Amino acid sequence: MIFVPNMHRFDRLARLLLGLVAAEAGFFWLAGPARLGAYALGLYLIATALAGYCPPYALLGIRRWAGSAGGGNVLGAASAIAVIVIVASVGYGSHFATRKLFLAEYGAMNHDYKQVLFHTGRNDRAAALRHYEALVRRYAEFQSKYESFHPWALRGDAQLDGDLKRVAAIIAAARADVVAGNLQQAHVALEAARPVLQGILKRNDFSLLAVALVDFHDPMEALVEAAVRGDDARVVALYAAAHAGMQAVEAQAQDAEIRAIRGHLDELLALARAGRRDALPAAGEQLKRSFAKVYLVRG
């Protein structure tokens, strides 16, 4: 059966582009049935674009500028280059964004984990139990998502699902000791999750510096917000949390870019203590820019 082309060149170009983007969405962002659906849609759009023939158009008797669509190449040289650039950009952007998203969600979960370790280590039962319950909820969400969805950066990690289950079992096993107030035992038990979590990062080339930068981000943002408002007392109050986060960053790297962040952080504290409210907004922006410079490349 011979199919008579019934699509205009620009219709075909749009379908080709959308089909490739749908395939990339399935590859980078989706899992399960949604991924299969994206692949099916992408395949249909690409196939009809290359053939120049749309079955629904034929059924409805639609013929969109078919005279200029038949024969020849689907795309001119400029269109082909544009498609390649757009698809490459979407692919690179998706890889970058899913990697950053994983780190951000790992950082949020890891924050709760570290809070539980901190309060069990201090034998603070009420705070330990509160943060333990937060960790259970946060980790359940994290595990559920990344057992079904493996970003490209983690797709080759055959140990990932098993390690996520191991950490879940460690957290669950500590519940009885946390509830009973046996906090030293709970602390030791929960520490067993640390090398498993760090192993996931190391196997998949996520540097511990990247994790430290993610952890530093939130207290730094709070500090910058206070500085922009010119609230010197708030800057002084928030400095300790940002300082602790910065120490974790410095434990991983001590180069000039990291020292620049430290310099802007300490300058902010000095200005706040001196009551230099007028200088705080600019100093806060300097801190944020120095952090962004490092985070966008190495985070």
C-alpha atoms as a PDB file:
ATOM      1  CA  MET A   1       0.000   0.000   0.000  1.00  0.00           C
ATOM      2  CA  ILE A   2       1.411   3.390  -0.979  1.00  0.00           C
ATOM      3  CA  PHE A   3       0.974   6.229   1.472  1.00  0.00           C
ATOM      4  CA  VAL A   4       0.580   9.655  -0.099  1.00  0.00           C
ATOM      5  CA  PRO A   5       2.331  12.323   2.018  1.00  0.00           C
ATOM      6  CA  ASN A   6      -0.256  14.572   3.653  1.00  0.00           C
ATOM      7  CA  MET A   7       1.887  16.728   5.954  1.00  0.00           C
ATOM      8  CA  HIS A   8       3.632  20.050   5.457  1.00  0.00           C
ATOM      9  CA  ARG A   9       7.384  20.352   6.044  1.00  0.00           C
ATOM     10  CA  PHE A  10       6.874  22.392   9.222  1.00  0.00           C
ATOM     11  CA  ASP A  11       4.344  19.898  10.562  1.00  0.00           C
ATOM     12  CA  ARG A  12       6.929  17.152  10.085  1.00  0.00           C
ATOM     13  CA  LEU A  13       9.659  19.237  11.699  1.00  0.00           C
ATOM     14  CA  ALA A  14       7.475  19.954  14.734  1.00  0.00           C
ATOM     15  CA  ARG A  15       6.595  16.266  15.101  1.00  0.00           C
ATOM     16  CA  LEU A  16      10.206  15.189  14.801  1.00  0.00           C
ATOM     17  CA  LEU A  17      11.285  17.654  17.464  1.00  0.00           C
ATOM     18  CA  LEU A  18       8.422  16.814  19.826  1.00  0.00           C
ATOM     19  CA  GLY A  19       8.993  13.096  19.317  1.00  0.00           C
ATOM     20  CA  LEU A  20      12.658  13.366  20.240  1.00  0.00           C
ATOM     21  CA  VAL A  21      11.832  15.496  23.292  1.00  0.00           C
ATOM     22  CA  ALA A  22       9.177  12.951  24.385  1.00  0.00           C
ATOM     23  CA  ALA A  23      11.755  10.165  24.088  1.00  0.00           C
ATOM     24  CA  GLU A  24      14.245  12.184  26.137  1.00  0.00           C
ATOM     25  CA  ALA A  25      11.582  12.911  28.764  1.00  0.00           C
ATOM     26  CA  GLY A  26      10.985   9.178  29.089  1.00  0.00           C
ATOM     27  CA  PHE A  27      14.696   8.449  29.236  1.00  0.00           C
ATOM     28  CA  PHE A  28      15.679  11.084  31.810  1.00  0.00           C
ATOM     29  CA  TRP A  29      12.593  11.904  33.868  1.00  0.00           C
ATOM     30  CA  LEU A  30       9.993   9.116  33.868  1.00  0.00           C
ATOM     31  CA  ALA A  31       9.636   5.559  35.115  1.00  0.00           C
ATOM     32  CA  GLY A  32       7.285   2.609  34.685  1.00  0.00           C
ATOM     33  CA  PRO A  33       4.161   3.036  32.504  1.00  0.00           C
ATOM     34  CA  ALA A  34       4.793   6.773  32.076  1.00  0.00           C
ATOM     35  CA  ARG A  35       8.203   6.034  30.522  1.00  0.00           C
ATOM     36  CA  LEU A  36       6.707   3.472  28.127  1.00  0.00           C
ATOM     37  CA  GLY A  37       3.982   5.951  27.190  1.00  0.00           C
ATOM     38  CA  ALA A  38       6.555   8.650  26.437  1.00  0.00           C
ATOM     39  CA  TYR A  39       8.565   6.233  24.289  1.00  0.00           C
ATOM     40  CA  ALA A  40       5.429   5.173  22.380  1.00  0.00           C
ATOM     41  CA  LEU A  41       4.419   8.778  21.756  1.00  0.00           C
ATOM     42  CA  GLY A  42       7.944   9.670  20.665  1.00  0.00           C
ATOM     43  CA  LEU A  43       8.094   6.717  18.280  1.00  0.00           C
ATOM     44  CA  TYR A  44       4.734   7.617  16.719  1.00  0.00           C
ATOM     45  CA  LEU A  45       5.668  11.266  16.218  1.00  0.00           C
ATOM     46  CA  ILE A  46       9.096  10.455  14.776  1.00  0.00           C
ATOM     47  CA  ALA A  47       7.716   7.755  12.449  1.00  0.00           C
ATOM     48  CA  THR A  48       4.970  10.000  11.043  1.00  0.00           C
ATOM     49  CA  ALA A  49       7.446  12.881  10.660  1.00  0.00           C
ATOM     50  CA  LEU A  50       9.888  10.766   8.672  1.00  0.00           C
ATOM     51  CA  ALA A  51       7.132   9.229   6.523  1.00  0.00           C
ATOM     52  CA  GLY A  52       5.370  12.535   5.983  1.00  0.00           C
ATOM     53  CA  TYR A  53       2.116  10.652   6.461  1.00  0.00           C
ATOM     54  CA  CYS A  54      -0.360  11.015   9.352  1.00  0.00           C
ATOM     55  CA  PRO A  55      -3.057   8.278   9.546  1.00  0.00           C
ATOM     56  CA  PRO A  56      -5.560  10.472  11.490  1.00  0.00           C
ATOM     57  CA  TYR A  57      -5.179  13.170   8.802  1.00  0.00           C
ATOM     58  CA  ALA A  58      -5.974  10.565   6.139  1.00  0.00           C
ATOM     59  CA  LEU A  59      -9.072   9.351   8.014  1.00  0.00           C
ATOM     60  CA  LEU A  60     -10.324  12.911   8.372  1.00  0.00           C
ATOM     61  CA  GLY A  61      -9.440  13.864   4.815  1.00  0.00           C
ATOM     62  CA  ILE A  62      -6.912  16.460   5.931  1.00  0.00           C
ATOM     63  CA  ARG A  63      -4.101  17.280   3.514  1.00  0.00           C
ATOM     64  CA  ARG A  64      -1.857  19.994   4.940  1.00  0.00           C
ATOM     65  CA  TRP A  65       0.112  21.632   2.132  1.00  0.00           C
ATOM     66  CA  ALA A  66       1.027  18.167   0.859  1.00  0.00           C
ATOM     67  CA  GLY A  67       2.395  19.527  -2.361  1.00  0.00           C
ATOM     68  CA  SER A  68       5.425  20.944  -0.590  1.00  0.00           C
ATOM     69  CA  ALA A  69       5.820  17.952   1.685  1.00  0.00           C
ATOM     70  CA  GLY A  70       6.378  15.062  -0.739  1.00  0.00           C
ATOM     71  CA  GLY A  71       9.826  13.900  -1.790  1.00  0.00           C
ATOM     72  CA  GLY A  72      13.166  15.306  -0.776  1.00  0.00           C
ATOM     73  CA  ASN A  73      14.656  15.508   2.661  1.00  0.00           C
ATOM     74  CA  VAL A  74      12.441  16.144   5.659  1.00  0.00           C
ATOM     75  CA  LEU A  75      14.594  18.972   6.887  1.00  0.00           C
ATOM     76  CA  GLY A  76      16.801  21.580   5.354  1.00  0.00           C
ATOM     77  CA  ALA A  77      20.319  21.959   6.687  1.00  0.00           C
ATOM     78  CA  ALA A  78      19.341  24.787   9.057  1.00  0.00           C
ATOM     79  CA  SER A  79      16.384  22.839  10.441  1.00  0.00           C
ATOM     80  CA  ALA A  80      18.532  19.753  10.980  1.00  0.00           C
ATOM     81  CA  ILE A  81      21.118  21.765  12.898  1.00  0.00           C
ATOM     82  CA  ALA A  82      18.391  23.405  14.988  1.00  0.00           C
ATOM     83  CA  VAL A  83      16.904  20.008  15.888  1.00  0.00           C
ATOM     84  CA  ILE A  84      20.317  18.623  16.864  1.00  0.00           C
ATOM     85  CA  VAL A  85      21.108  21.647  19.034  1.00  0.00           C
ATOM     86  CA  ILE A  86      17.721  21.591  20.776  1.00  0.00           C
ATOM     87  CA  VAL A  87      17.769  17.851  21.422  1.00  0.00           C
ATOM     88  CA  ALA A  88      21.363  17.963  22.689  1.00  0.00           C
ATOM     89  CA  SER A  89      20.503  20.896  24.941  1.00  0.00           C
ATOM     90  CA  VAL A  90      17.442  19.132  26.369  1.00  0.00           C
ATOM     91  CA  GLY A  91      19.495  15.976  26.957  1.00  0.00           C
ATOM     92  CA  TYR A  92      22.353  17.772  28.679  1.00  0.00           C
ATOM     93  CA  GLY A  93      19.965  19.952  30.680  1.00  0.00           C
ATOM     94  CA  SER A  94      17.953  16.930  31.803  1.00  0.00           C
ATOM     95  CA  HIS A  95      21.074  15.054  32.874  1.00  0.00           C
ATOM     96  CA  PHE A  96      22.305  18.083  34.811  1.00  0.00           C
ATOM     97  CA  ALA A  97      18.900  18.800  36.378  1.00  0.00           C
ATOM     98  CA  THR A  98      18.152  15.201  37.444  1.00  0.00           C
ATOM     99  CA  ARG A  99      21.608  14.966  39.000  1.00  0.00           C
ATOM    100  CA  LYS A 100      21.033  18.201  40.936  1.00  0.00           C
ATOM    101  CA  LEU A 101      17.552  17.071  41.958  1.00  0.00           C
ATOM    102  CA  PHE A 102      18.891  13.792  43.321  1.00  0.00           C
ATOM    103  CA  LEU A 103      21.555  15.636  45.302  1.00  0.00           C
ATOM    104  CA  ALA A 104      19.027  18.120  46.690  1.00  0.00           C
ATOM    105  CA  GLU A 105      16.663  15.336  47.796  1.00  0.00           C
ATOM    106  CA  TYR A 106      19.557  13.311  49.167  1.00  0.00           C
ATOM    107  CA  GLY A 107      20.700  16.407  51.082  1.00  0.00           C
ATOM    108  CA  ALA A 108      17.242  16.944  52.608  1.00  0.00           C
ATOM    109  CA  MET A 109      17.039  13.306  53.691  1.00  0.00           C
ATOM    110  CA  ASN A 110      20.626  13.348  54.950  1.00  0.00           C
ATOM    111  CA  HIS A 111      19.882  16.471  57.012  1.00  0.00           C
ATOM    112  CA  ASP A 112      17.192  14.582  58.943  1.00  0.00           C
ATOM    113  CA  TYR A 113      19.543  11.620  59.327  1.00  0.00           C
ATOM    114  CA  LYS A 114      22.303  13.813  60.764  1.00  0.00           C
ATOM    115  CA  GLN A 115      19.854  15.485  63.141  1.00  0.00           C
ATOM    116  CA  VAL A 116      18.869  12.094  64.544  1.00  0.00           C
ATOM    117  CA  LEU A 117      22.535  11.177  64.984  1.00  0.00           C
ATOM    118  CA  PHE A 118      23.223  14.509  66.671  1.00  0.00           C
ATOM    119  CA  HIS A 119      20.376  14.247  69.187  1.00  0.00           C
ATOM    120  CA  THR A 120      20.886  10.556  69.949  1.00  0.00           C
ATOM    121  CA  GLY A 121      24.549  11.369  70.522  1.00  0.00           C
ATOM    122  CA  ARG A 122      23.536  14.126  72.980  1.00  0.00           C
ATOM    123  CA  ASN A 123      21.032  11.807  74.696  1.00  0.00           C
ATOM    124  CA  ASP A 124      18.201  14.257  73.967  1.00  0.00           C
ATOM    125  CA  ARG A 125      15.240  11.884  73.871  1.00  0.00           C
ATOM    126  CA  ALA A 126      12.457  14.274  72.836  1.00  0.00           C
ATOM    127  CA  ALA A 127      14.430  15.849  69.995  1.00  0.00           C
ATOM    128  CA  ALA A 128      15.805  12.469  68.891  1.00  0.00           C
ATOM    129  CA  LEU A 129      12.311  10.992  68.620  1.00  0.00           C
ATOM    130  CA  ARG A 130      10.972  14.038  66.765  1.00  0.00           C
ATOM    131  CA  HIS A 131      13.779  13.984  64.208  1.00  0.00           C
ATOM    132  CA  TYR A 132      13.621  10.197  63.937  1.00  0.00           C
ATOM    133  CA  GLU A 133       9.965  10.378  62.863  1.00  0.00           C
ATOM    134  CA  ALA A 134      10.866  13.088  60.326  1.00  0.00           C
ATOM    135  CA  LEU A 135      13.661  10.861  58.993  1.00  0.00           C
ATOM    136  CA  VAL A 136      11.303   7.882  58.629  1.00  0.00           C
ATOM    137  CA  ARG A 137       8.874   9.936  56.525  1.00  0.00           C
ATOM    138  CA  ARG A 138      11.558  11.623  54.441  1.00  0.00           C
ATOM    139  CA  TYR A 139      13.493   8.426  53.792  1.00  0.00           C
ATOM    140  CA  ALA A 140      10.336   6.516  52.803  1.00  0.00           C
ATOM    141  CA  GLU A 141       9.639   9.174  50.143  1.00  0.00           C
ATOM    142  CA  PHE A 142      13.268   9.115  48.979  1.00  0.00           C
ATOM    143  CA  GLN A 143      13.391   5.311  48.782  1.00  0.00           C
ATOM    144  CA  SER A 144      10.045   5.028  46.998  1.00  0.00           C
ATOM    145  CA  LYS A 145      11.085   7.509  44.337  1.00  0.00           C
ATOM    146  CA  TYR A 146      14.569   6.210  43.596  1.00  0.00           C
ATOM    147  CA  GLU A 147      13.712   2.523  43.631  1.00  0.00           C
ATOM    148  CA  SER A 148      11.336   3.159  40.722  1.00  0.00           C
ATOM    149  CA  PHE A 149      13.189   6.030  39.053  1.00  0.00           C
ATOM    150  CA  HIS A 150      16.916   5.822  38.395  1.00  0.00           C
ATOM    151  CA  PRO A 151      18.311   9.083  36.996  1.00  0.00           C
ATOM    152  CA  TRP A 152      20.852   8.671  34.217  1.00  0.00           C
ATOM    153  CA  ALA A 153      23.675   9.357  36.682  1.00  0.00           C
ATOM    154  CA  LEU A 154      22.633   6.293  38.747  1.00  0.00           C
ATOM    155  CA  ARG A 155      21.221   4.066  36.009  1.00  0.00           C
ATOM    156  CA  GLY A 156      24.195   1.717  35.915  1.00  0.00           C
ATOM    157  CA  ASP A 157      24.241   1.163  39.689  1.00  0.00           C
ATOM    158  CA  ALA A 158      23.093  -2.411  40.222  1.00  0.00           C
ATOM    159  CA  GLN A 159      23.507  -2.058  43.999  1.00  0.00           C
ATOM    160  CA  LEU A 160      21.251   0.977  44.388  1.00  0.00           C
ATOM    161  CA  ASP A 161      17.944  -0.740  45.171  1.00  0.00           C
ATOM    162  CA  GLY A 162      19.603  -3.154  47.566  1.00  0.00           C
ATOM    163  CA  ASP A 163      21.399  -0.349  49.399  1.00  0.00           C
ATOM    164  CA  LEU A 164      18.185   1.666  49.708  1.00  0.00           C
ATOM    165  CA  LYS A 165      16.523  -1.365  51.312  1.00  0.00           C
ATOM    166  CA  ARG A 166      19.504  -1.865  53.655  1.00  0.00           C
ATOM    167  CA  VAL A 167      19.289   1.709  54.902  1.00  0.00           C
ATOM    168  CA  ALA A 168      15.508   1.403  55.360  1.00  0.00           C
ATOM    169  CA  ALA A 169      16.060  -1.732  57.476  1.00  0.00           C
ATOM    170  CA  ILE A 170      18.710   0.026  59.599  1.00  0.00           C
ATOM    171  CA  ILE A 171      16.388   2.971  60.258  1.00  0.00           C
ATOM    172  CA  ALA A 172      13.444   0.700  61.104  1.00  0.00           C
ATOM    173  CA  ALA A 173      15.538  -1.451  63.455  1.00  0.00           C
ATOM    174  CA  ALA A 174      16.533   1.603  65.510  1.00  0.00           C
ATOM    175  CA  ARG A 175      12.932   2.564  66.305  1.00  0.00           C
ATOM    176  CA  ALA A 176      12.594   0.455  69.466  1.00  0.00           C
ATOM    177  CA  ASP A 177      15.749   1.959  71.004  1.00  0.00           C
ATOM    178  CA  VAL A 178      14.764   5.525  70.076  1.00  0.00           C
ATOM    179  CA  VAL A 179      11.268   5.116  71.563  1.00  0.00           C
ATOM    180  CA  ALA A 180      12.597   3.406  74.708  1.00  0.00           C
ATOM    181  CA  GLY A 181      15.253   6.069  75.211  1.00  0.00           C
ATOM    182  CA  ASN A 182      18.211   3.761  74.609  1.00  0.00           C
ATOM    183  CA  LEU A 183      19.786   6.525  72.581  1.00  0.00           C
ATOM    184  CA  GLN A 184      23.403   5.396  72.645  1.00  0.00           C
ATOM    185  CA  GLN A 185      22.376   2.030  71.199  1.00  0.00           C
ATOM    186  CA  ALA A 186      20.197   3.787  68.628  1.00  0.00           C
ATOM    187  CA  HIS A 187      23.095   6.081  67.705  1.00  0.00           C
ATOM    188  CA  VAL A 188      25.452   3.169  67.101  1.00  0.00           C
ATOM    189  CA  ALA A 189      22.828   1.284  65.081  1.00  0.00           C
ATOM    190  CA  LEU A 190      22.003   4.280  62.895  1.00  0.00           C
ATOM    191  CA  GLU A 191      25.685   4.972  62.209  1.00  0.00           C
ATOM    192  CA  ALA A 192      25.686   1.773  60.140  1.00  0.00           C
ATOM    193  CA  ALA A 193      23.693   3.601  57.459  1.00  0.00           C
ATOM    194  CA  ARG A 194      26.401   6.201  56.870  1.00  0.00           C
ATOM    195  CA  PRO A 195      28.873   4.072  54.845  1.00  0.00           C
ATOM    196  CA  VAL A 196      26.011   2.638  52.773  1.00  0.00           C
ATOM    197  CA  LEU A 197      24.743   6.111  51.846  1.00  0.00           C
ATOM    198  CA  GLN A 198      28.233   7.385  51.124  1.00  0.00           C
ATOM    199  CA  GLY A 199      28.893   4.307  49.007  1.00  0.00           C
ATOM    200  CA  ILE A 200      25.983   5.228  46.739  1.00  0.00           C
ATOM    201  CA  LEU A 201      27.517   8.650  46.168  1.00  0.00           C
ATOM    202  CA  LYS A 202      31.050   7.393  45.589  1.00  0.00           C
ATOM    203  CA  ARG A 203      30.022   4.630  43.162  1.00  0.00           C
ATOM    204  CA  ASN A 204      28.109   7.114  41.043  1.00  0.00           C
ATOM    205  CA  ASP A 205      30.766   9.850  41.049  1.00  0.00           C
ATOM    206  CA  PHE A 206      28.898  12.227  43.349  1.00  0.00           C
ATOM    207  CA  SER A 207      31.602  13.950  45.333  1.00  0.00           C
ATOM    208  CA  LEU A 208      31.149  14.446  49.062  1.00  0.00           C
ATOM    209  CA  LEU A 209      31.920  18.106  48.320  1.00  0.00           C
ATOM    210  CA  ALA A 210      28.691  18.258  46.318  1.00  0.00           C
ATOM    211  CA  VAL A 211      26.739  16.874  49.273  1.00  0.00           C
ATOM    212  CA  ALA A 212      28.392  19.339  51.649  1.00  0.00           C
ATOM    213  CA  LEU A 213      27.533  22.219  49.318  1.00  0.00           C
ATOM    214  CA  VAL A 214      23.888  21.108  49.247  1.00  0.00           C
ATOM    215  CA  ASP A 215      23.837  20.976  53.061  1.00  0.00           C
ATOM    216  CA  PHE A 216      25.407  24.436  53.269  1.00  0.00           C
ATOM    217  CA  HIS A 217      22.920  25.986  50.843  1.00  0.00           C
ATOM    218  CA  ASP A 218      19.882  26.353  53.134  1.00  0.00           C
ATOM    219  CA  PRO A 219      21.603  27.962  56.159  1.00  0.00           C
ATOM    220  CA  MET A 220      23.532  30.202  53.761  1.00  0.00           C
ATOM    221  CA  GLU A 221      20.300  31.304  52.054  1.00  0.00           C
ATOM    222  CA  ALA A 222      18.738  32.148  55.420  1.00  0.00           C
ATOM    223  CA  LEU A 223      21.820  34.175  56.316  1.00  0.00           C
ATOM    224  CA  VAL A 224      21.793  36.032  52.990  1.00  0.00           C
ATOM    225  CA  GLU A 225      18.093  36.801  53.355  1.00  0.00           C
ATOM    226  CA  ALA A 226      18.725  38.358  56.776  1.00  0.00           C
ATOM    227  CA  ALA A 227      21.658  40.333  55.347  1.00  0.00           C
ATOM    228  CA  VAL A 228      19.607  41.686  52.456  1.00  0.00           C
ATOM    229  CA  ARG A 229      17.060  42.934  55.006  1.00  0.00           C
ATOM    230  CA  GLY A 230      19.867  44.578  56.974  1.00  0.00           C
ATOM    231  CA  ASP A 231      18.988  42.530  60.059  1.00  0.00           C
ATOM    232  CA  ASP A 232      22.345  42.410  61.852  1.00  0.00           C
ATOM    233  CA  ALA A 233      21.034  40.584  64.942  1.00  0.00           C
ATOM    234  CA  ARG A 234      19.521  37.866  62.757  1.00  0.00           C
ATOM    235  CA  VAL A 235      22.772  37.492  60.802  1.00  0.00           C
ATOM    236  CA  VAL A 236      24.687  36.923  64.050  1.00  0.00           C
ATOM    237  CA  ALA A 237      22.081  34.399  65.237  1.00  0.00           C
ATOM    238  CA  LEU A 238      22.171  32.444  61.955  1.00  0.00           C
ATOM    239  CA  TYR A 239      25.941  32.449  61.531  1.00  0.00           C
ATOM    240  CA  ALA A 240      26.566  29.333  63.663  1.00  0.00           C
ATOM    241  CA  ALA A 241      24.478  27.074  61.411  1.00  0.00           C
ATOM    242  CA  ALA A 242      26.124  28.443  58.259  1.00  0.00           C
ATOM    243  CA  HIS A 243      29.567  28.137  59.855  1.00  0.00           C
ATOM    244  CA  ALA A 244      28.938  24.443  60.662  1.00  0.00           C
ATOM    245  CA  GLY A 245      27.849  23.829  57.075  1.00  0.00           C
ATOM    246  CA  MET A 246      30.914  25.638  55.762  1.00  0.00           C
ATOM    247  CA  GLN A 247      33.196  23.517  57.924  1.00  0.00           C
ATOM    248  CA  ALA A 248      31.777  20.407  56.221  1.00  0.00           C
ATOM    249  CA  VAL A 249      32.541  21.995  52.832  1.00  0.00           C
ATOM    250  CA  GLU A 250      36.082  22.860  53.930  1.00  0.00           C
ATOM    251  CA  ALA A 251      36.612  19.282  55.086  1.00  0.00           C
ATOM    252  CA  GLN A 252      36.277  18.264  51.418  1.00  0.00           C
ATOM    253  CA  ALA A 253      38.174  21.098  49.699  1.00  0.00           C
ATOM    254  CA  GLN A 254      40.397  24.055  50.617  1.00  0.00           C
ATOM    255  CA  ASP A 255      41.070  25.725  47.262  1.00  0.00           C
ATOM    256  CA  ALA A 256      40.797  29.424  46.432  1.00  0.00           C
ATOM    257  CA  GLU A 257      37.108  29.252  45.493  1.00  0.00           C
ATOM    258  CA  ILE A 258      36.200  27.604  48.801  1.00  0.00           C
ATOM    259  CA  ARG A 259      38.316  30.131  50.708  1.00  0.00           C
ATOM    260  CA  ALA A 260      36.440  32.924  48.917  1.00  0.00           C
ATOM    261  CA  ILE A 261      33.125  31.594  50.254  1.00  0.00           C
ATOM    262  CA  ARG A 262      34.592  31.423  53.759  1.00  0.00           C
ATOM    263  CA  GLY A 263      35.931  34.961  53.444  1.00  0.00           C
ATOM    264  CA  HIS A 264      32.538  36.383  52.440  1.00  0.00           C
ATOM    265  CA  LEU A 265      30.806  34.388  55.171  1.00  0.00           C
ATOM    266  CA  ASP A 266      33.095  35.707  57.913  1.00  0.00           C
ATOM    267  CA  GLU A 267      32.961  39.229  56.498  1.00  0.00           C
ATOM    268  CA  LEU A 268      29.188  39.123  56.866  1.00  0.00           C
ATOM    269  CA  LEU A 269      29.517  38.210  60.535  1.00  0.00           C
ATOM    270  CA  ALA A 270      32.062  40.980  61.148  1.00  0.00           C
ATOM    271  CA  LEU A 271      29.812  43.582  59.528  1.00  0.00           C
ATOM    272  CA  ALA A 272      26.804  42.415  61.533  1.00  0.00           C
ATOM    273  CA  ARG A 273      28.715  42.552  64.817  1.00  0.00           C
ATOM    274  CA  ALA A 274      29.919  46.041  63.960  1.00  0.00           C
ATOM    275  CA  GLY A 275      26.354  47.160  63.267  1.00  0.00           C
ATOM    276  CA  ARG A 276      27.151  47.959  59.608  1.00  0.00           C
ATOM    277  CA  ARG A 277      23.591  47.372  58.394  1.00  0.00           C
ATOM    278  CA  ASP A 278      24.123  49.453  55.270  1.00  0.00           C
ATOM    279  CA  ALA A 279      26.904  47.124  54.088  1.00  0.00           C
ATOM    280  CA  LEU A 280      25.089  43.847  54.809  1.00  0.00           C
ATOM    281  CA  PRO A 281      23.018  43.546  51.582  1.00  0.00           C
ATOM    282  CA  ALA A 282      26.044  43.855  49.291  1.00  0.00           C
ATOM    283  CA  ALA A 283      28.082  41.452  51.430  1.00  0.00           C
ATOM    284  CA  GLY A 284      25.217  38.957  51.385  1.00  0.00           C
ATOM    285  CA  GLU A 285      25.043  39.093  47.598  1.00  0.00           C
ATOM    286  CA  GLN A 286      28.819  38.558  47.393  1.00  0.00           C
ATOM    287  CA  LEU A 287      28.487  35.448  49.541  1.00  0.00           C
ATOM    288  CA  LYS A 288      25.685  34.118  47.369  1.00  0.00           C
ATOM    289  CA  ARG A 289      27.613  34.752  44.128  1.00  0.00           C
ATOM    290  CA  SER A 290      30.762  33.058  45.418  1.00  0.00           C
ATOM    291  CA  PHE A 291      28.716  30.025  46.467  1.00  0.00           C
ATOM    292  CA  ALA A 292      26.845  29.846  43.133  1.00  0.00           C
ATOM    293  CA  LYS A 293      30.139  29.956  41.233  1.00  0.00           C
ATOM    294  CA  VAL A 294      31.291  26.795  42.994  1.00  0.00           C
ATOM    295  CA  TYR A 295      27.962  25.002  43.215  1.00  0.00           C
ATOM    296  CA  LEU A 296      27.057  25.268  39.537  1.00  0.00           C
ATOM    297  CA  VAL A 297      30.339  23.664  38.499  1.00  0.00           C
ATOM    298  CA  ARG A 298      31.194  21.296  41.350  1.00  0.00           C
ATOM    299  CA  GLY A 299      27.909  20.784  43.180  1.00  0.00           C
END
